[in-house]
Amino acid sequence: MSEAGSAIEAKAGKGAARRGPGNWWADCRLPAIRHEAHFGDRVVRCFVERARSFHDLFAATVAAHPDREALVCGSLRLDWRGLDERVARVAGGLAARGIEAGDRVALFVSNRPEFVIALFAIQRIGAIAVPIGAREQRDGLRWILGHCGARAVFHDAELAGRLPAAAELPMLALRVACPPPESPAGGAPQPDVPPEGAPQERPGEPSLAFSELETASPLREAAAVEEEAAAVILYTSGTTGRPKGAMLTHLNVVHSAAHFVTCMGIAAEDRSLLAVPASHVTGLIANIASFVAAGGALVVMPAFKAAEFLVLAARERISHTLMVPAMYNLALLQPDFGIHDLSAWRIGGYGGAPMPVATIDALAARLPGLTLLNAYGATETTSPTTMIPAGLTRDHADSVGVALPCADVIAVDDEGRELPPGEVGELWIAGPMVVRGYWNDEAATAREFTAGWWHSGDLGSVDADGFVRVFDRKKDMLNRGGYKIFSVEVENLIAAMPGVVEAAVVGRPCPVLGERVHAFVHATDPAVDAEAIRAFCAERLADYKVPETVTITAEPLPRNPNGKLLKRVLREKL
């Protein structure tokens, strides 16, 4: 076992449970930490020894591990030297077509090798990447591309028709079409066929083929950038109003990658399966940036399907994942789970929702070498803010972990005053991973940040040992006749029922009580019905928390690409 890999085991000792805040990561091989001033009004803890840009992370790994496998998708296999060559050619192609440092370049690209290649080509020329989820529709695309002033866009070839016309976005000078990816099993590219009856996309504007962009002379030297400059703009999911463009700086990305590598114990020999969207903060940081920093291999899965996931994880000797709990549960529910050799799988990160104890126990029974690690964060925190130290996941299944080495998390009241340990308030987060603000939106930046502390909108607590618990979004907490109900508590309980994959609890409007508890449940067992759920909850919860009405569905509940439940969509179904 490598030194980095052994760190994850070292943290599992029983004595760790008595450490207290600030000491949880003492066994990790952390770089030295010091306080530094950044972004004008912030003083944050930073790693002293660090790369100065996202590109520098990439360049360091190319220099250290040129012959080690870097990127796999279908039959494509690139080592770090080969990946660097393709990055250099795409960067040269962008520069030859007038794309310069500071320009915004959109990535309307699903999980395929071109996403990774283009991302680092953009970093090489000092431009700013703007990843956009492949589910975004024409109106949303028009707004995002216009708001960030994109000069170029990479897009899935089959999605060209969603792009706005040239007259709508005169700044958008270059469109680059990326070919469909191979299936996980290899073979011919798999086109994205619209469902029967779906509206057909209109023909798009002419696009340059990605392969043609690669014919340019390679750009070897990277542009100089400031570490406080934006490397990436990630637009929030936009659950309310227009999405906001969070500016992930080079400082943010470097620290988040270092947090994942050191606190998860990721090593150069590890292989990560990218099964969540690359265009969102989890895939971008937890998978891509972290494995660039570690020098490991990234195996790209175009879209998550549980049966294909198991085949691919076994074949590629996957050792690291970061997914939402429902994806782990769906894998466990596959009837052939036990025939796949998953012995290399040692790090199972998860976030977006708590993992039921039943799922934790099932994974432990089937994969004793797998360490589950809950991580909590957001786009505005460049993903990780807290993490469960190894070996403590089951005992602290209701917690999202403790603050990472350079992070600070506090619970505050409505006046912004820090609350005593264990009391519930809004979680505020600070550190070098917190973004500097929102692109071209000073009002939202002023509203959601206070002297570098980001207001998460999550209701939670921090106990005396530093464990953070997230109970609900402020806007999602139910009020039934004056009784406050944290939906997460009820959701976690229902998710623990046999045959249940996931659950979401929302308030059903009531003229008398204000709200009544309604549960949406994704179940695979026909025996799971409304009465069974209500009886299960009634034995374990206060009566006012028990769902009065239940909707059972055989389909997954709606989530954004970061794995968070879209309760707005569910409320519309009531």
Protein backbone atom coordinates (compact mmCIF):
# COMPACT_ATOMS: atom_id res chain seq x y z
CA MET A 1 0.00 0.00 0.00
CA SER A 2 1.25 3.51 -0.83
CA GLU A 3 1.98 6.13 1.81
CA ALA A 4 -1.05 8.12 0.64
CA GLY A 5 -3.17 5.01 0.65
CA SER A 6 -2.05 3.99 4.12
CA ALA A 7 -3.23 7.33 5.52
CA ILE A 8 -6.83 6.36 4.97
CA GLU A 9 -6.35 3.30 7.12
CA ALA A 10 -4.52 5.18 9.83
CA LYS A 11 -7.51 7.42 10.45
CA ALA A 12 -9.79 4.50 11.28
CA GLY A 13 -8.52 3.90 14.81
CA LYS A 14 -11.01 4.07 17.69
CA GLY A 15 -9.03 6.80 19.37
CA ALA A 16 -9.99 9.18 16.58
CA ALA A 17 -13.47 9.47 18.02
CA ARG A 18 -12.11 11.51 20.91
CA ARG A 19 -10.00 13.99 19.00
CA GLY A 20 -12.11 17.09 18.84
CA PRO A 21 -12.24 19.95 16.36
CA GLY A 22 -9.12 20.78 14.39
CA ASN A 23 -7.30 17.50 14.98
CA TRP A 24 -9.14 15.09 12.73
CA TRP A 25 -6.68 15.26 9.87
CA ALA A 26 -3.48 14.95 11.89
CA ASP A 27 -2.73 11.54 10.38
CA CYS A 28 -2.95 12.81 6.81
CA ARG A 29 0.21 13.88 5.04
CA LEU A 30 -0.82 17.51 4.87
CA PRO A 31 1.34 20.29 3.47
CA ALA A 32 2.23 23.03 5.93
CA ILE A 33 -0.62 25.50 6.52
CA ARG A 34 -0.48 29.25 7.19
CA HIS A 35 -2.86 32.20 7.24
CA GLU A 36 -2.90 34.35 4.10
CA ALA A 37 -4.84 37.38 2.89
CA HIS A 38 -6.84 36.84 -0.31
CA PHE A 39 -9.63 38.49 -2.32
CA GLY A 40 -9.18 41.79 -0.49
CA ASP A 41 -11.15 41.18 2.71
CA ARG A 42 -10.38 37.57 3.62
CA VAL A 43 -7.79 35.93 5.83
CA VAL A 44 -7.85 32.17 5.31
CA ARG A 45 -5.73 29.13 6.06
CA CYS A 46 -3.82 28.01 2.96
CA PHE A 47 -1.43 25.22 2.06
CA VAL A 48 2.05 26.73 1.81
CA GLU A 49 3.32 24.33 -0.84
CA ARG A 50 0.83 24.39 -3.69
CA ALA A 51 0.45 24.76 -7.42
CA ARG A 52 -0.30 28.31 -8.50
CA SER A 53 -2.88 27.44 -11.16
CA PHE A 54 -5.14 24.68 -12.41
CA HIS A 55 -2.80 24.23 -15.36
CA ASP A 56 0.20 23.89 -13.05
CA LEU A 57 -1.47 20.86 -11.42
CA PHE A 58 -1.71 19.29 -14.86
CA ALA A 59 1.84 20.20 -15.91
CA ALA A 60 3.35 18.82 -12.70
CA THR A 61 1.68 15.44 -13.21
CA VAL A 62 2.71 15.28 -16.87
CA ALA A 63 6.31 15.88 -15.79
CA ALA A 64 6.16 13.37 -12.92
CA HIS A 65 4.23 10.52 -14.59
CA PRO A 66 4.44 10.88 -18.39
CA ASP A 67 3.98 7.16 -19.07
CA ARG A 68 1.27 6.45 -16.50
CA GLU A 69 -2.26 5.97 -17.84
CA ALA A 70 -4.28 9.17 -17.53
CA LEU A 71 -7.58 8.98 -19.43
CA VAL A 72 -9.73 6.03 -20.49
CA CYS A 73 -13.04 6.01 -22.36
CA GLY A 74 -14.13 3.01 -24.40
CA SER A 75 -11.16 1.97 -26.53
CA LEU A 76 -9.36 5.30 -26.02
CA ARG A 77 -6.39 5.10 -23.66
CA LEU A 78 -4.07 8.04 -23.15
CA ASP A 79 -1.05 8.32 -20.89
CA TRP A 80 -0.17 11.69 -19.43
CA ARG A 81 2.27 12.46 -22.24
CA GLY A 82 -0.35 11.62 -24.86
CA LEU A 83 -3.01 13.65 -23.07
CA ASP A 84 -0.62 16.60 -22.87
CA GLU A 85 -0.01 16.41 -26.61
CA ARG A 86 -3.71 16.53 -27.41
CA VAL A 87 -4.21 19.40 -24.95
CA ALA A 88 -1.36 21.32 -26.60
CA ARG A 89 -2.87 20.90 -30.07
CA VAL A 90 -6.36 21.97 -29.02
CA ALA A 91 -4.88 24.96 -27.18
CA GLY A 92 -2.97 25.85 -30.35
CA GLY A 93 -6.16 25.55 -32.37
CA LEU A 94 -8.01 27.89 -30.01
CA ALA A 95 -5.19 30.43 -30.04
CA ALA A 96 -4.98 30.31 -33.85
CA ARG A 97 -8.65 31.22 -33.97
CA GLY A 98 -8.29 34.25 -31.74
CA ILE A 99 -9.19 32.86 -28.31
CA GLU A 100 -7.09 34.68 -25.69
CA ALA A 101 -6.36 34.75 -21.97
CA GLY A 102 -9.43 35.85 -20.01
CA ASP A 103 -11.91 34.81 -22.70
CA ARG A 104 -14.78 32.63 -21.59
CA VAL A 105 -15.03 29.27 -23.37
CA ALA A 106 -18.15 27.20 -22.73
CA LEU A 107 -18.15 23.40 -22.45
CA PHE A 108 -21.61 22.18 -23.41
CA VAL A 109 -20.19 18.68 -23.43
CA SER A 110 -21.30 15.49 -21.70
CA ASN A 111 -18.94 12.87 -20.24
CA ARG A 112 -16.49 12.23 -23.06
CA PRO A 113 -12.71 12.59 -23.49
CA GLU A 114 -13.08 15.87 -25.34
CA PHE A 115 -14.39 17.51 -22.17
CA VAL A 116 -11.13 16.81 -20.31
CA ILE A 117 -8.91 17.71 -23.27
CA ALA A 118 -10.74 20.97 -23.94
CA LEU A 119 -10.81 21.88 -20.24
CA PHE A 120 -7.03 21.83 -19.97
CA ALA A 121 -6.55 23.47 -23.36
CA ILE A 122 -8.64 26.36 -22.06
CA GLN A 123 -6.46 26.52 -18.94
CA ARG A 124 -3.27 26.49 -21.05
CA ILE A 125 -4.21 29.65 -22.92
CA GLY A 126 -5.32 31.35 -19.69
CA ALA A 127 -8.98 31.45 -20.68
CA ILE A 128 -11.91 30.66 -18.36
CA ALA A 129 -13.88 27.43 -18.78
CA VAL A 130 -17.67 27.59 -18.44
CA PRO A 131 -19.04 24.03 -18.13
CA ILE A 132 -22.77 23.68 -18.87
CA GLY A 133 -24.77 20.54 -18.18
CA ALA A 134 -25.86 18.64 -21.29
CA ARG A 135 -29.49 18.76 -20.13
CA GLU A 136 -29.62 22.54 -20.43
CA GLN A 137 -32.17 23.73 -22.96
CA ARG A 138 -32.00 26.52 -25.53
CA ASP A 139 -33.33 29.33 -23.36
CA GLY A 140 -30.96 28.51 -20.51
CA LEU A 141 -28.04 28.17 -22.90
CA ARG A 142 -28.78 31.51 -24.47
CA TRP A 143 -28.84 33.18 -21.09
CA ILE A 144 -25.64 31.56 -19.74
CA LEU A 145 -23.63 32.10 -22.92
CA GLY A 146 -24.75 35.70 -23.11
CA HIS A 147 -24.27 36.41 -19.42
CA CYS A 148 -20.67 35.18 -19.35
CA GLY A 149 -19.90 36.66 -22.79
CA ALA A 150 -18.61 33.36 -24.17
CA ARG A 151 -16.24 33.69 -27.14
CA ALA A 152 -16.29 29.98 -27.99
CA VAL A 153 -18.30 26.88 -27.17
CA PHE A 154 -17.46 23.20 -27.34
CA HIS A 155 -20.62 21.13 -27.71
CA ASP A 156 -21.79 17.58 -28.23
CA ALA A 157 -22.29 17.24 -31.98
CA GLU A 158 -25.81 15.90 -31.44
CA LEU A 159 -26.74 18.99 -29.38
CA ALA A 160 -25.81 21.61 -31.98
CA GLY A 161 -29.44 22.47 -32.54
CA ARG A 162 -29.86 23.72 -28.99
CA LEU A 163 -27.29 26.47 -29.44
CA PRO A 164 -28.60 29.97 -30.11
CA ALA A 165 -28.31 31.45 -33.57
CA ALA A 166 -25.28 33.58 -34.40
CA ALA A 167 -27.39 36.74 -34.51
CA GLU A 168 -28.50 36.16 -30.91
CA LEU A 169 -24.93 35.95 -29.59
CA PRO A 170 -22.57 37.97 -31.78
CA MET A 171 -19.71 37.48 -29.26
CA LEU A 172 -19.76 33.70 -29.84
CA ALA A 173 -17.13 33.48 -32.56
CA LEU A 174 -16.29 29.76 -32.50
CA ARG A 175 -18.32 26.56 -32.19
CA VAL A 176 -16.57 23.20 -31.89
CA ALA A 177 -18.48 19.91 -32.25
CA CYS A 178 -17.38 16.89 -30.18
CA PRO A 179 -18.14 13.37 -31.48
CA PRO A 180 -20.35 10.92 -29.54
CA PRO A 181 -18.45 8.79 -27.02
CA GLU A 182 -18.02 5.05 -27.27
CA SER A 183 -20.15 2.83 -25.09
CA PRO A 184 -18.46 1.76 -21.82
CA ALA A 185 -17.85 -1.64 -23.36
CA GLY A 186 -16.08 -0.08 -26.34
CA GLY A 187 -17.21 -0.19 -29.95
CA ALA A 188 -18.85 2.33 -32.18
CA PRO A 189 -19.97 5.74 -30.94
CA GLN A 190 -23.44 5.73 -29.47
CA PRO A 191 -25.60 8.55 -30.84
CA ASP A 192 -27.99 10.35 -28.56
CA VAL A 193 -31.39 9.33 -30.01
CA PRO A 194 -34.25 11.56 -28.83
CA PRO A 195 -37.22 9.76 -27.29
CA GLU A 196 -40.17 9.01 -29.56
CA GLY A 197 -42.35 12.06 -29.87
CA ALA A 198 -39.68 14.48 -28.60
CA PRO A 199 -39.40 17.78 -30.50
CA GLN A 200 -36.62 17.71 -33.07
CA GLU A 201 -33.71 20.09 -32.68
CA ARG A 202 -33.43 22.73 -35.39
CA PRO A 203 -30.23 22.75 -37.45
CA GLY A 204 -27.50 24.67 -35.65
CA GLU A 205 -24.92 27.14 -36.91
CA PRO A 206 -21.84 25.65 -38.64
CA SER A 207 -19.37 24.12 -36.19
CA LEU A 208 -15.73 23.15 -36.48
CA ALA A 209 -15.04 19.45 -35.87
CA PHE A 210 -12.99 18.80 -32.73
CA SER A 211 -10.53 16.76 -34.80
CA GLU A 212 -9.95 19.74 -37.10
CA LEU A 213 -9.10 21.92 -34.12
CA GLU A 214 -6.35 19.41 -33.26
CA THR A 215 -4.55 19.96 -36.57
CA ALA A 216 -3.05 23.23 -35.32
CA SER A 217 0.53 23.65 -34.18
CA PRO A 218 0.72 22.68 -30.52
CA LEU A 219 0.88 25.39 -27.87
CA ARG A 220 3.55 24.27 -25.40
CA GLU A 221 3.81 27.24 -23.04
CA ALA A 222 0.99 28.10 -20.71
CA ALA A 223 -0.17 31.68 -20.23
CA ALA A 224 0.66 33.27 -16.89
CA VAL A 225 -2.37 33.71 -14.64
CA GLU A 226 -2.98 35.06 -11.15
CA GLU A 227 -4.09 32.45 -8.64
CA GLU A 228 -7.00 34.69 -7.58
CA ALA A 229 -8.22 34.86 -11.18
CA ALA A 230 -11.17 32.74 -12.30
CA ALA A 231 -10.26 29.36 -13.80
CA VAL A 232 -13.85 28.17 -14.17
CA ILE A 233 -17.30 29.72 -14.01
CA LEU A 234 -19.93 27.25 -12.85
CA TYR A 235 -23.53 28.30 -13.03
CA THR A 236 -25.69 27.17 -10.16
CA SER A 237 -28.63 24.92 -10.82
CA GLY A 238 -31.05 27.81 -10.78
CA THR A 239 -33.70 26.30 -8.55
CA THR A 240 -34.94 29.86 -8.01
CA GLY A 241 -34.62 32.51 -10.71
CA ARG A 242 -31.73 32.70 -13.17
CA PRO A 243 -28.59 30.70 -12.33
CA LYS A 244 -25.62 32.55 -10.88
CA GLY A 245 -22.10 32.08 -12.22
CA ALA A 246 -19.82 31.10 -9.34
CA MET A 247 -16.21 32.08 -10.10
CA LEU A 248 -13.92 29.18 -9.16
CA THR A 249 -10.44 30.65 -8.98
CA HIS A 250 -7.16 28.81 -9.40
CA LEU A 251 -6.65 29.18 -5.64
CA ASN A 252 -10.05 27.53 -5.02
CA VAL A 253 -9.43 24.60 -7.37
CA VAL A 254 -5.93 23.87 -6.11
CA HIS A 255 -7.03 23.76 -2.47
CA SER A 256 -10.11 21.62 -3.14
CA ALA A 257 -8.05 19.12 -5.13
CA ALA A 258 -5.50 19.00 -2.29
CA HIS A 259 -8.27 18.41 0.26
CA PHE A 260 -9.62 15.46 -1.71
CA VAL A 261 -6.19 13.93 -2.34
CA THR A 262 -4.87 14.24 1.21
CA CYS A 263 -8.01 13.54 3.23
CA MET A 264 -9.27 10.70 1.04
CA GLY A 265 -5.77 9.27 0.72
CA ILE A 266 -5.79 9.26 -3.10
CA ALA A 267 -2.54 8.02 -4.66
CA ALA A 268 -1.02 7.97 -8.14
CA GLU A 269 -1.90 4.30 -8.59
CA ASP A 270 -5.61 4.96 -7.97
CA ARG A 271 -8.17 4.83 -10.76
CA SER A 272 -11.31 6.97 -10.54
CA LEU A 273 -14.57 6.30 -12.35
CA LEU A 274 -16.22 9.49 -13.56
CA ALA A 275 -19.90 8.50 -13.42
CA VAL A 276 -21.39 11.88 -12.42
CA PRO A 277 -21.52 14.78 -14.91
CA ALA A 278 -18.11 16.27 -15.63
CA SER A 279 -19.77 19.64 -16.14
CA HIS A 280 -20.73 20.04 -12.48
CA VAL A 281 -18.65 20.65 -9.43
CA THR A 282 -18.43 17.04 -8.18
CA GLY A 283 -17.21 15.59 -11.46
CA LEU A 284 -15.02 18.59 -12.22
CA ILE A 285 -13.27 18.73 -8.84
CA ALA A 286 -13.68 15.39 -7.05
CA ASN A 287 -12.86 13.37 -10.14
CA ILE A 288 -10.98 15.44 -12.72
CA ALA A 289 -9.03 17.99 -10.66
CA SER A 290 -8.26 15.57 -7.84
CA PHE A 291 -6.92 12.89 -10.14
CA VAL A 292 -4.86 15.38 -12.06
CA ALA A 293 -3.37 16.48 -8.73
CA ALA A 294 -2.72 12.88 -7.63
CA GLY A 295 -1.47 11.65 -11.00
CA GLY A 296 -4.01 8.81 -11.10
CA ALA A 297 -6.17 7.60 -13.97
CA LEU A 298 -9.61 8.87 -14.91
CA VAL A 299 -12.04 6.39 -16.46
CA VAL A 300 -14.94 8.20 -18.13
CA MET A 301 -18.44 6.73 -18.10
CA PRO A 302 -20.69 8.59 -20.59
CA ALA A 303 -23.78 8.03 -18.45
CA PHE A 304 -24.41 6.09 -15.24
CA LYS A 305 -26.19 2.78 -15.64
CA ALA A 306 -25.82 0.45 -12.67
CA ALA A 307 -25.24 -2.74 -14.67
CA GLU A 308 -22.63 -1.10 -16.90
CA PHE A 309 -21.02 0.55 -13.89
CA LEU A 310 -20.29 -2.83 -12.30
CA VAL A 311 -18.80 -4.24 -15.51
CA LEU A 312 -16.61 -1.19 -16.05
CA ALA A 313 -15.50 -0.93 -12.40
CA ALA A 314 -14.37 -4.56 -12.43
CA ARG A 315 -12.65 -4.43 -15.81
CA GLU A 316 -10.77 -1.20 -15.13
CA ARG A 317 -9.88 -2.06 -11.53
CA ILE A 318 -11.56 1.10 -10.27
CA SER A 319 -10.38 2.11 -6.79
CA HIS A 320 -12.17 5.45 -6.32
CA THR A 321 -15.66 6.78 -6.87
CA LEU A 322 -17.63 9.80 -5.78
CA MET A 323 -21.36 9.42 -6.35
CA VAL A 324 -24.72 10.09 -4.72
CA PRO A 325 -26.04 7.39 -2.34
CA ALA A 326 -28.80 6.34 -4.75
CA MET A 327 -26.15 5.27 -7.28
CA TYR A 328 -24.52 2.96 -4.71
CA ASN A 329 -27.92 1.56 -3.81
CA LEU A 330 -28.80 0.92 -7.46
CA ALA A 331 -25.52 -0.96 -7.90
CA LEU A 332 -26.28 -3.12 -4.84
CA LEU A 333 -29.71 -3.95 -6.27
CA GLN A 334 -28.21 -5.52 -9.40
CA PRO A 335 -28.77 -9.28 -9.25
CA ASP A 336 -25.26 -10.01 -10.54
CA PHE A 337 -23.48 -7.68 -8.10
CA GLY A 338 -21.60 -10.57 -6.48
CA ILE A 339 -20.05 -11.96 -9.66
CA HIS A 340 -17.96 -8.85 -10.37
CA ASP A 341 -14.44 -8.55 -9.00
CA LEU A 342 -14.56 -5.20 -7.22
CA SER A 343 -11.66 -5.90 -4.89
CA ALA A 344 -9.71 -2.86 -6.12
CA TRP A 345 -12.49 -0.50 -5.01
CA ARG A 346 -11.19 1.09 -1.79
CA ILE A 347 -12.55 4.67 -1.66
CA GLY A 348 -16.27 5.33 -2.01
CA GLY A 349 -16.99 9.01 -1.64
CA TYR A 350 -20.55 10.23 -1.60
CA GLY A 351 -22.50 13.43 -1.14
CA GLY A 352 -25.68 15.19 -2.16
CA ALA A 353 -27.70 13.22 0.40
CA PRO A 354 -27.10 11.08 3.53
CA MET A 355 -26.46 7.39 3.00
CA PRO A 356 -28.84 5.09 4.89
CA VAL A 357 -27.18 2.85 7.47
CA ALA A 358 -28.68 -0.16 5.68
CA THR A 359 -26.76 0.76 2.52
CA ILE A 360 -23.56 1.34 4.52
CA ASP A 361 -23.93 -2.10 6.13
CA ALA A 362 -24.71 -3.80 2.81
CA LEU A 363 -21.63 -2.31 1.18
CA ALA A 364 -19.47 -3.26 4.17
CA ALA A 365 -20.70 -6.86 3.99
CA ARG A 366 -20.05 -7.20 0.26
CA LEU A 367 -16.97 -5.00 -0.07
CA PRO A 368 -15.00 -5.10 3.19
CA GLY A 369 -12.10 -3.24 1.57
CA LEU A 370 -14.24 -0.24 0.64
CA THR A 371 -14.01 2.86 2.85
CA LEU A 372 -17.09 5.09 2.57
CA LEU A 373 -16.50 8.81 3.03
CA ASN A 374 -19.30 11.39 3.13
CA ALA A 375 -18.29 14.78 1.74
CA TYR A 376 -20.33 17.98 1.90
CA GLY A 377 -19.93 21.06 -0.19
CA ALA A 378 -21.41 23.16 -2.96
CA THR A 379 -20.52 24.94 -6.16
CA GLU A 380 -19.71 28.05 -4.11
CA THR A 381 -17.22 26.09 -1.99
CA THR A 382 -15.59 24.39 -5.00
CA SER A 383 -17.15 21.20 -3.62
CA PRO A 384 -15.59 19.82 -0.42
CA THR A 385 -16.07 21.64 2.88
CA THR A 386 -16.39 18.72 5.28
CA MET A 387 -15.62 15.01 5.15
CA ILE A 388 -16.11 12.02 7.42
CA PRO A 389 -12.75 10.73 8.67
CA ALA A 390 -12.18 7.14 7.58
CA GLY A 391 -13.64 4.50 9.86
CA LEU A 392 -16.31 6.77 11.35
CA THR A 393 -18.92 6.75 8.59
CA ARG A 394 -21.33 4.29 10.19
CA ASP A 395 -21.07 5.71 13.72
CA HIS A 396 -21.70 9.19 12.34
CA ALA A 397 -24.11 8.33 9.53
CA ASP A 398 -26.20 11.41 10.40
CA SER A 399 -23.20 13.71 9.92
CA VAL A 400 -21.48 15.10 6.83
CA GLY A 401 -18.16 15.00 8.68
CA VAL A 402 -15.81 17.60 10.07
CA ALA A 403 -14.33 20.70 8.48
CA LEU A 404 -11.42 20.01 6.14
CA PRO A 405 -7.97 21.31 7.16
CA CYS A 406 -8.26 24.75 5.54
CA ALA A 407 -12.04 25.14 5.95
CA ASP A 408 -14.20 26.74 8.64
CA VAL A 409 -17.88 25.94 9.23
CA ILE A 410 -20.11 27.63 11.80
CA ALA A 411 -23.84 27.69 12.53
CA VAL A 412 -25.26 31.20 12.95
CA ASP A 413 -28.58 32.72 13.99
CA ASP A 414 -30.63 35.15 11.92
CA GLU A 415 -28.42 38.02 13.10
CA GLY A 416 -25.22 36.29 11.95
CA ARG A 417 -24.05 35.35 15.47
CA GLU A 418 -22.27 32.04 15.94
CA LEU A 419 -24.36 29.55 17.90
CA PRO A 420 -23.13 27.24 20.70
CA PRO A 421 -22.21 23.63 19.80
CA GLY A 422 -25.19 21.55 18.77
CA GLU A 423 -27.62 24.40 18.18
CA VAL A 424 -29.28 24.65 14.77
CA GLY A 425 -28.73 27.63 12.51
CA GLU A 426 -27.66 28.50 8.99
CA LEU A 427 -24.25 27.08 8.07
CA TRP A 428 -21.67 29.66 7.01
CA ILE A 429 -18.48 28.48 5.34
CA ALA A 430 -15.06 30.10 4.88
CA GLY A 431 -11.70 29.06 3.49
CA PRO A 432 -9.49 29.26 0.39
CA MET A 433 -11.96 27.02 -1.46
CA VAL A 434 -14.85 29.50 -1.15
CA VAL A 435 -15.36 31.32 -4.45
CA ARG A 436 -14.70 35.03 -4.70
CA GLY A 437 -18.28 35.71 -5.80
CA TYR A 438 -20.61 35.54 -8.79
CA TRP A 439 -19.69 36.58 -12.31
CA ASN A 440 -21.20 39.94 -13.23
CA ASP A 441 -23.57 39.90 -10.26
CA GLU A 442 -22.46 42.22 -7.48
CA ALA A 443 -25.87 42.22 -5.81
CA ALA A 444 -25.94 38.44 -5.35
CA THR A 445 -22.32 38.45 -4.18
CA ALA A 446 -23.06 41.09 -1.54
CA ARG A 447 -26.19 39.22 -0.44
CA GLU A 448 -24.64 35.76 -0.08
CA PHE A 449 -21.14 36.53 1.22
CA THR A 450 -20.01 38.32 4.38
CA ALA A 451 -16.26 39.04 4.62
CA GLY A 452 -15.51 35.81 2.78
CA TRP A 453 -18.07 33.68 4.63
CA TRP A 454 -20.58 32.12 2.25
CA HIS A 455 -24.16 31.80 3.49
CA SER A 456 -25.02 28.22 2.51
CA GLY A 457 -28.78 28.36 3.03
CA ASP A 458 -28.51 24.99 4.82
CA LEU A 459 -29.83 24.55 8.34
CA GLY A 460 -27.39 22.56 10.43
CA SER A 461 -25.29 22.33 13.57
CA VAL A 462 -21.68 21.83 14.60
CA ASP A 463 -21.19 19.74 17.74
CA ALA A 464 -18.46 20.00 20.36
CA ASP A 465 -16.32 17.45 18.47
CA GLY A 466 -16.60 19.38 15.23
CA PHE A 467 -19.09 17.08 13.48
CA VAL A 468 -21.38 18.97 11.13
CA ARG A 469 -24.99 17.91 10.60
CA VAL A 470 -27.20 19.24 7.83
CA PHE A 471 -30.91 19.05 8.58
CA ASP A 472 -32.54 20.89 5.73
CA ARG A 473 -32.49 23.79 3.36
CA LYS A 474 -33.89 26.85 5.12
CA LYS A 475 -36.62 27.00 2.49
CA ASP A 476 -37.41 23.26 2.74
CA MET A 477 -38.05 22.99 6.49
CA LEU A 478 -41.71 22.15 7.11
CA ASN A 479 -43.94 23.97 9.58
CA ARG A 480 -46.96 21.85 10.55
CA GLY A 481 -49.13 23.87 12.87
CA GLY A 482 -46.09 25.41 14.56
CA TYR A 483 -44.11 22.16 14.74
CA LYS A 484 -40.84 22.36 12.81
CA ILE A 485 -39.98 19.26 10.77
CA PHE A 486 -36.60 18.64 9.15
CA SER A 487 -37.40 16.77 5.95
CA VAL A 488 -34.00 15.03 5.95
CA GLU A 489 -34.85 13.16 9.16
CA VAL A 490 -37.99 11.67 7.62
CA GLU A 491 -36.26 11.00 4.28
CA ASN A 492 -33.41 9.11 5.94
CA LEU A 493 -35.83 6.93 7.86
CA ILE A 494 -37.91 6.03 4.81
CA ALA A 495 -34.77 5.33 2.78
CA ALA A 496 -33.80 2.72 5.39
CA MET A 497 -36.88 0.60 4.57
CA PRO A 498 -36.17 -2.57 2.54
CA GLY A 499 -37.11 -2.05 -1.09
CA VAL A 500 -36.79 1.74 -0.95
CA VAL A 501 -34.17 3.39 -3.13
CA GLU A 502 -34.69 7.02 -2.10
CA ALA A 503 -37.25 9.38 -0.61
CA ALA A 504 -38.10 13.08 -0.61
CA VAL A 505 -40.36 14.89 1.85
CA VAL A 506 -42.13 18.14 1.02
CA GLY A 507 -44.89 20.19 2.56
CA ARG A 508 -48.40 19.85 1.15
CA PRO A 509 -50.22 23.20 1.58
CA CYS A 510 -52.94 23.12 4.20
CA PRO A 511 -55.33 26.01 5.04
CA VAL A 512 -55.51 24.90 8.71
CA LEU A 513 -52.00 23.73 9.64
CA GLY A 514 -50.03 25.57 6.98
CA GLU A 515 -48.30 22.39 5.76
CA ARG A 516 -48.80 18.66 5.99
CA VAL A 517 -46.08 16.06 5.44
CA HIS A 518 -46.01 14.41 2.01
CA ALA A 519 -43.44 11.80 0.94
CA PHE A 520 -42.32 10.91 -2.58
CA VAL A 521 -40.75 7.44 -2.55
CA HIS A 522 -38.80 5.60 -5.25
CA ALA A 523 -39.27 1.91 -4.45
CA THR A 524 -38.45 -1.35 -6.24
CA ASP A 525 -40.49 -3.68 -4.01
CA PRO A 526 -44.25 -3.88 -4.75
CA ALA A 527 -44.85 -4.52 -1.04
CA VAL A 528 -43.75 -0.96 -0.29
CA ASP A 529 -46.97 1.02 -0.29
CA ALA A 530 -48.27 4.13 1.45
CA GLU A 531 -49.64 2.30 4.47
CA ALA A 532 -46.40 0.35 4.98
CA ILE A 533 -44.42 3.58 4.89
CA ARG A 534 -46.73 5.32 7.30
CA ALA A 535 -46.62 2.37 9.72
CA PHE A 536 -42.83 2.21 9.51
CA CYS A 537 -42.55 5.92 10.30
CA ALA A 538 -45.19 5.86 13.05
CA GLU A 539 -43.13 3.36 15.04
CA ARG A 540 -40.05 5.57 14.92
CA LEU A 541 -41.10 9.21 14.68
CA ALA A 542 -43.19 11.72 16.57
CA ASP A 543 -46.74 11.63 15.21
CA TYR A 544 -46.57 15.09 13.61
CA LYS A 545 -43.56 13.99 11.49
CA VAL A 546 -45.29 10.95 9.97
CA PRO A 547 -46.19 11.47 6.28
CA GLU A 548 -49.93 11.87 5.91
CA THR A 549 -49.82 11.24 2.17
CA VAL A 550 -47.37 9.29 0.03
CA THR A 551 -46.58 9.04 -3.67
CA ILE A 552 -44.86 5.82 -4.76
CA THR A 553 -42.86 5.85 -8.01
CA ALA A 554 -40.82 3.24 -9.84
CA GLU A 555 -38.75 6.03 -11.40
CA PRO A 556 -35.81 7.85 -9.76
CA LEU A 557 -36.68 11.12 -8.07
CA PRO A 558 -35.69 14.30 -9.93
CA ARG A 559 -32.22 15.56 -9.06
CA ASN A 560 -29.93 18.22 -10.40
CA PRO A 561 -26.59 17.06 -11.85
CA ASN A 562 -24.93 17.55 -8.45
CA GLY A 563 -27.23 14.91 -6.99
CA LYS A 564 -29.47 17.22 -4.97
CA LEU A 565 -33.18 16.56 -4.96
CA LEU A 566 -35.26 18.99 -6.99
CA LYS A 567 -38.05 19.54 -4.50
CA ARG A 568 -39.44 22.39 -6.54
CA VAL A 569 -40.28 19.88 -9.27
CA LEU A 570 -41.91 17.55 -6.73
CA ARG A 571 -44.01 20.32 -5.20
CA GLU A 572 -45.40 21.07 -8.64
CA LYS A 573 -46.85 17.53 -8.70
CA LEU A 574 -48.93 18.02 -5.53
